[in-house]
């Protein structure tokens, strides 16, 4: 995409040029095949100070050689640019809608659509938490879990001194997981 900025009866400042580039650069969101954009800003000695600055934008796209033109007046350069970008955006969206309605902008209608393969999301550990596992009875573990408002609780059984996992079941009762460790074969 080529962007041409010109000023008539006024000099285009660096700030104005950056503003134009930022605003006009967003037009690619609406139509991907934009080839050329011409922006002309002019200051005119009008009776009304509300129409002193004129902004013209001409957009040429690659699909069918379509040309979209917008022209707006305002009391400042920036307001004129904002107004004309809104006008051109509306025209580009309307044109894009017509292309899709006719089947020209829709790959499915042309038979060239390739279904993208969904990628499996990569699962990763995003948080680590450390806490002291204290010896207690199952009854004490239930009280601790309820007090914290958690759905599970890890504790050391006071009687057997082994690690246990207490969890709340969907029916409202509790479950207890007692892990068994296998010895490695040597």
Protein backbone atom coordinates (compact mmCIF):
# COMPACT_ATOMS: atom_id res chain seq x y z
CA UNK A 1 0.00 0.00 0.00
CA UNK A 2 1.36 3.36 -1.04
CA UNK A 3 0.34 6.48 0.85
CA UNK A 4 0.67 9.91 -0.79
CA UNK A 5 0.08 12.98 1.39
CA UNK A 6 -0.13 16.45 -0.11
CA UNK A 7 -1.00 19.88 1.28
CA UNK A 8 -2.56 22.77 -0.64
CA UNK A 9 -2.17 26.32 0.75
CA UNK A 10 -0.56 24.85 3.86
CA UNK A 11 2.46 22.85 5.00
CA UNK A 12 1.95 19.35 6.37
CA UNK A 13 3.65 19.15 9.77
CA UNK A 14 5.30 15.99 11.07
CA UNK A 15 2.59 15.64 13.69
CA UNK A 16 -0.15 15.89 11.04
CA UNK A 17 1.65 13.38 8.81
CA UNK A 18 1.97 10.86 11.65
CA UNK A 19 -1.71 11.32 12.52
CA UNK A 20 -2.72 10.75 8.90
CA UNK A 21 -0.52 7.64 8.62
CA UNK A 22 -2.00 6.20 11.82
CA UNK A 23 -5.62 6.86 10.81
CA UNK A 24 -5.26 5.82 7.17
CA UNK A 25 -3.23 2.73 8.12
CA UNK A 26 -6.35 1.35 9.84
CA UNK A 27 -8.19 1.16 6.51
CA UNK A 28 -6.39 -2.12 5.76
CA UNK A 29 -8.60 -3.73 8.42
CA UNK A 30 -11.61 -3.20 6.20
CA UNK A 31 -10.13 -4.16 2.84
CA UNK A 32 -6.87 -6.08 2.50
CA UNK A 33 -6.12 -5.37 -1.17
CA UNK A 34 -5.66 -1.59 -1.02
CA UNK A 35 -3.00 -0.54 -3.51
CA UNK A 36 -2.84 3.24 -3.33
CA UNK A 37 -4.17 5.97 -1.02
CA UNK A 38 -3.96 9.68 -1.81
CA UNK A 39 -4.61 12.21 0.94
CA UNK A 40 -4.92 15.90 0.16
CA UNK A 41 -5.30 18.46 2.92
CA UNK A 42 -6.04 22.07 2.08
CA UNK A 43 -6.77 25.26 3.98
CA UNK A 44 -9.30 27.57 2.39
CA UNK A 45 -10.32 31.08 3.30
CA UNK A 46 -14.02 30.43 3.85
CA UNK A 47 -16.54 32.64 5.59
CA UNK A 48 -17.29 29.90 8.07
CA UNK A 49 -14.40 28.98 10.36
CA UNK A 50 -16.09 25.56 10.83
CA UNK A 51 -15.24 24.61 7.22
CA UNK A 52 -11.73 26.01 6.92
CA UNK A 53 -9.87 22.72 6.38
CA UNK A 54 -10.71 20.28 3.60
CA UNK A 55 -9.55 16.66 3.62
CA UNK A 56 -9.83 14.47 0.50
CA UNK A 57 -8.98 10.79 0.45
CA UNK A 58 -8.92 8.55 -2.62
CA UNK A 59 -8.45 4.81 -2.11
CA UNK A 60 -7.68 2.47 -4.99
CA UNK A 61 -8.07 -1.24 -4.33
CA UNK A 62 -6.98 -4.23 -6.36
CA UNK A 63 -10.35 -5.98 -6.63
CA UNK A 64 -11.83 -4.77 -9.91
CA UNK A 65 -9.86 -1.53 -9.78
CA UNK A 66 -12.39 -0.05 -7.34
CA UNK A 67 -11.87 3.56 -6.32
CA UNK A 68 -13.39 5.01 -3.16
CA UNK A 69 -13.40 8.75 -2.61
CA UNK A 70 -14.21 10.83 0.46
CA UNK A 71 -14.18 14.56 1.12
CA UNK A 72 -14.97 16.38 4.38
CA UNK A 73 -14.57 19.87 5.89
CA UNK A 74 -13.92 20.83 9.51
CA UNK A 75 -12.54 23.55 11.73
CA UNK A 76 -9.22 21.71 12.32
CA UNK A 77 -7.04 19.42 10.25
CA UNK A 78 -7.44 16.53 12.68
CA UNK A 79 -11.23 16.77 12.76
CA UNK A 80 -11.34 16.82 8.96
CA UNK A 81 -9.12 13.73 8.81
CA UNK A 82 -11.32 11.91 11.33
CA UNK A 83 -14.47 12.73 9.38
CA UNK A 84 -13.09 11.69 6.01
CA UNK A 85 -11.68 8.43 7.41
CA UNK A 86 -15.16 7.62 8.76
CA UNK A 87 -16.69 8.30 5.33
CA UNK A 88 -14.12 6.16 3.50
CA UNK A 89 -14.45 3.37 6.08
CA UNK A 90 -18.21 3.28 5.55
CA UNK A 91 -17.76 3.11 1.78
CA UNK A 92 -15.16 0.32 2.03
CA UNK A 93 -17.41 -1.71 4.34
CA UNK A 94 -20.37 -1.25 1.99
CA UNK A 95 -18.25 -2.33 -0.99
CA UNK A 96 -16.91 -5.31 0.94
CA UNK A 97 -20.46 -6.33 1.83
CA UNK A 98 -21.53 -6.19 -1.81
CA UNK A 99 -18.60 -8.38 -2.84
CA UNK A 100 -19.49 -10.97 -0.23
CA UNK A 101 -23.17 -10.86 -1.19
CA UNK A 102 -22.24 -11.61 -4.81
CA UNK A 103 -19.81 -14.34 -3.81
CA UNK A 104 -16.73 -12.54 -5.12
CA UNK A 105 -15.18 -11.82 -1.75
CA UNK A 106 -16.07 -15.15 -0.21
CA UNK A 107 -13.59 -17.97 -0.77
CA UNK A 108 -16.21 -20.61 0.01
CA UNK A 109 -18.41 -19.37 -2.83
CA UNK A 110 -15.48 -19.49 -5.26
CA UNK A 111 -14.51 -23.02 -4.21
CA UNK A 112 -11.02 -22.06 -3.00
CA UNK A 113 -11.73 -22.24 0.70
CA UNK A 114 -9.38 -24.40 2.73
CA UNK A 115 -10.56 -25.33 6.20
CA UNK A 116 -7.84 -24.25 8.64
CA UNK A 117 -6.64 -27.00 10.94
CA UNK A 118 -7.28 -26.06 14.55
CA UNK A 119 -4.14 -26.16 16.61
CA UNK A 120 -4.29 -27.79 19.99
CA UNK A 121 -3.61 -25.19 22.67
CA UNK A 122 -0.38 -25.72 24.51
CA UNK A 123 -1.09 -26.34 28.19
CA UNK A 124 1.40 -24.96 30.65
CA UNK A 125 1.73 -24.32 34.36
CA UNK A 126 0.90 -20.66 34.94
CA UNK A 127 0.93 -20.59 38.73
CA UNK A 128 2.79 -22.41 41.48
CA UNK A 129 1.73 -22.41 45.09
CA UNK A 130 3.57 -23.74 48.14
CA UNK A 131 2.14 -24.41 51.57
CA UNK A 132 2.92 -26.42 54.69
CA UNK A 133 1.16 -29.80 54.91
CA UNK A 134 0.23 -30.35 58.55
CA UNK A 135 -0.68 -33.60 60.29
CA UNK A 136 -4.42 -33.71 61.13
CA UNK A 137 -7.43 -35.98 61.19
CA UNK A 138 -9.93 -36.24 58.33
CA UNK A 139 -12.47 -34.30 60.41
CA UNK A 140 -9.99 -31.45 60.95
CA UNK A 141 -9.15 -31.48 57.20
CA UNK A 142 -12.85 -31.11 56.33
CA UNK A 143 -13.14 -28.11 58.68
CA UNK A 144 -10.00 -26.53 57.16
CA UNK A 145 -11.25 -27.08 53.59
CA UNK A 146 -14.68 -25.61 54.37
CA UNK A 147 -13.07 -22.66 56.19
CA UNK A 148 -10.92 -21.88 53.14
CA UNK A 149 -13.82 -22.40 50.71
CA UNK A 150 -11.81 -24.80 48.53
CA UNK A 151 -13.00 -27.93 46.71
CA UNK A 152 -9.97 -30.00 47.72
CA UNK A 153 -7.42 -30.09 50.53
CA UNK A 154 -4.05 -31.86 50.93
CA UNK A 155 -3.01 -32.93 54.40
CA UNK A 156 -0.94 -35.49 56.29
CA UNK A 157 -3.01 -38.08 58.16
CA UNK A 158 -2.15 -37.80 61.87
CA UNK A 159 -2.60 -41.54 62.45
CA UNK A 160 -0.64 -43.00 59.52
CA UNK A 161 1.59 -39.96 58.70
CA UNK A 162 0.82 -40.39 54.99
CA UNK A 163 -0.29 -37.71 52.52
CA UNK A 164 -4.01 -37.62 51.70
CA UNK A 165 -6.19 -35.60 49.33
CA UNK A 166 -9.68 -34.67 50.50
CA UNK A 167 -12.14 -33.40 47.87
CA UNK A 168 -15.77 -32.30 47.65
CA UNK A 169 -17.96 -34.49 45.44
CA UNK A 170 -20.77 -33.18 43.23
CA UNK A 171 -23.36 -34.77 45.52
CA UNK A 172 -22.07 -32.66 48.47
CA UNK A 173 -20.24 -35.49 50.26
CA UNK A 174 -16.45 -35.86 50.48
CA UNK A 175 -13.95 -38.13 48.81
CA UNK A 176 -10.54 -39.14 50.12
CA UNK A 177 -7.63 -40.12 47.90
CA UNK A 178 -4.96 -42.25 49.57
CA UNK A 179 -1.96 -42.58 47.23
CA UNK A 180 0.11 -45.76 47.15
CA UNK A 181 3.70 -45.42 46.07
CA UNK A 182 5.42 -48.23 44.17
CA UNK A 183 9.00 -49.03 44.80
CA UNK A 184 11.22 -48.75 41.75
CA UNK A 185 12.79 -51.96 40.48
CA UNK A 186 16.50 -52.02 40.90
